[in-house]
Amino acid sequence: MRATLFCLCLCLLGTVLPTP
């Protein structure tokens, strides 16, 4: 469960933050 939430947060951050 925690791993899924962590991956989801990472995905969201990657989408919001400007990727190089």
PDB file of N, CA and C in Angstrom:
ATOM      1  N   MET A   1       0.838  -1.203   0.000  1.00  0.00           N
ATOM      2  CA  MET A   1       0.000   0.000   0.000  1.00  0.00           C
ATOM      3  C   MET A   1       0.876   1.258   0.000  1.00  0.00           C
ATOM      4  N   ARG A   2       1.817   1.291   0.941  1.00  0.00           N
ATOM      5  CA  ARG A   2       2.679   2.463   1.043  1.00  0.00           C
ATOM      6  C   ARG A   2       3.487   2.650  -0.232  1.00  0.00           C
ATOM      7  N   ALA A   3       3.963   1.537  -0.783  1.00  0.00           N
ATOM      8  CA  ALA A   3       4.768   1.625  -2.015  1.00  0.00           C
ATOM      9  C   ALA A   3       3.932   2.227  -3.141  1.00  0.00           C
ATOM     10  N   THR A   4       2.663   1.831  -3.215  1.00  0.00           N
ATOM     11  CA  THR A   4       1.796   2.359  -4.267  1.00  0.00           C
ATOM     12  C   THR A   4       1.593   3.855  -4.099  1.00  0.00           C
ATOM     13  N   LEU A   5       1.351   4.267  -2.866  1.00  0.00           N
ATOM     14  CA  LEU A   5       1.152   5.700  -2.599  1.00  0.00           C
ATOM     15  C   LEU A   5       2.416   6.475  -2.934  1.00  0.00           C
ATOM     16  N   PHE A   6       3.565   5.909  -2.591  1.00  0.00           N
ATOM     17  CA  PHE A   6       4.838   6.572  -2.871  1.00  0.00           C
ATOM     18  C   PHE A   6       5.032   6.741  -4.374  1.00  0.00           C
ATOM     19  N   CYS A   7       4.746   5.687  -5.130  1.00  0.00           N
ATOM     20  CA  CYS A   7       4.885   5.745  -6.594  1.00  0.00           C
ATOM     21  C   CYS A   7       3.914   6.783  -7.160  1.00  0.00           C
ATOM     22  N   LEU A   8       2.701   6.803  -6.619  1.00  0.00           N
ATOM     23  CA  LEU A   8       1.707   7.757  -7.095  1.00  0.00           C
ATOM     24  C   LEU A   8       2.187   9.187  -6.848  1.00  0.00           C
ATOM     25  N   CYS A   9       2.720   9.424  -5.653  1.00  0.00           N
ATOM     26  CA  CYS A   9       3.229  10.767  -5.334  1.00  0.00           C
ATOM     27  C   CYS A   9       4.361  11.127  -6.288  1.00  0.00           C
ATOM     28  N   LEU A  10       5.251  10.175  -6.554  1.00  0.00           N
ATOM     29  CA  LEU A  10       6.370  10.439  -7.452  1.00  0.00           C
ATOM     30  C   LEU A  10       5.854  10.769  -8.844  1.00  0.00           C
ATOM     31  N   CYS A  11       4.879  10.004  -9.303  1.00  0.00           N
ATOM     32  CA  CYS A  11       4.309  10.249 -10.637  1.00  0.00           C
ATOM     33  C   CYS A  11       3.700  11.649 -10.690  1.00  0.00           C
ATOM     34  N   LEU A  12       2.939  12.016  -9.671  1.00  0.00           N
ATOM     35  CA  LEU A  12       2.320  13.339  -9.630  1.00  0.00           C
ATOM     36  C   LEU A  12       3.383  14.428  -9.619  1.00  0.00           C
ATOM     37  N   LEU A  13       4.413  14.257  -8.792  1.00  0.00           N
ATOM     38  CA  LEU A  13       5.488  15.252  -8.723  1.00  0.00           C
ATOM     39  C   LEU A  13       6.169  15.377 -10.079  1.00  0.00           C
ATOM     40  N   GLY A  14       6.432  14.257 -10.727  1.00  0.00           N
ATOM     41  CA  GLY A  14       7.096  14.272 -12.025  1.00  0.00           C
ATOM     42  C   GLY A  14       6.242  14.986 -13.067  1.00  0.00           C
ATOM     43  N   THR A  15       4.921  14.869 -12.934  1.00  0.00           N
ATOM     44  CA  THR A  15       4.039  15.519 -13.902  1.00  0.00           C
ATOM     45  C   THR A  15       3.952  17.019 -13.637  1.00  0.00           C
ATOM     46  N   VAL A  16       3.928  17.385 -12.359  1.00  0.00           N
ATOM     47  CA  VAL A  16       3.811  18.807 -11.992  1.00  0.00           C
ATOM     48  C   VAL A  16       5.143  19.525 -12.198  1.00  0.00           C
ATOM     49  N   LEU A  17       6.206  18.945 -11.670  1.00  0.00           N
ATOM     50  CA  LEU A  17       7.521  19.590 -11.779  1.00  0.00           C
ATOM     51  C   LEU A  17       8.016  19.539 -13.215  1.00  0.00           C
ATOM     52  N   PRO A  18       8.737  20.590 -13.640  1.00  0.00           N
ATOM     53  CA  PRO A  18       9.284  20.644 -15.006  1.00  0.00           C
ATOM     54  C   PRO A  18      10.417  19.653 -15.178  1.00  0.00           C
ATOM     55  N   THR A  19      10.220  18.699 -16.040  1.00  0.00           N
ATOM     56  CA  THR A  19      11.241  17.674 -16.262  1.00  0.00           C
ATOM     57  C   THR A  19      12.239  18.137 -17.323  1.00  0.00           C
ATOM     58  N   PRO A  20      13.526  17.866 -17.109  1.00  0.00           N
ATOM     59  CA  PRO A  20      14.559  18.304 -18.052  1.00  0.00           C
ATOM     60  C   PRO A  20      14.531  17.515 -19.343  1.00  0.00           C
TER      61      PRO A  20
END
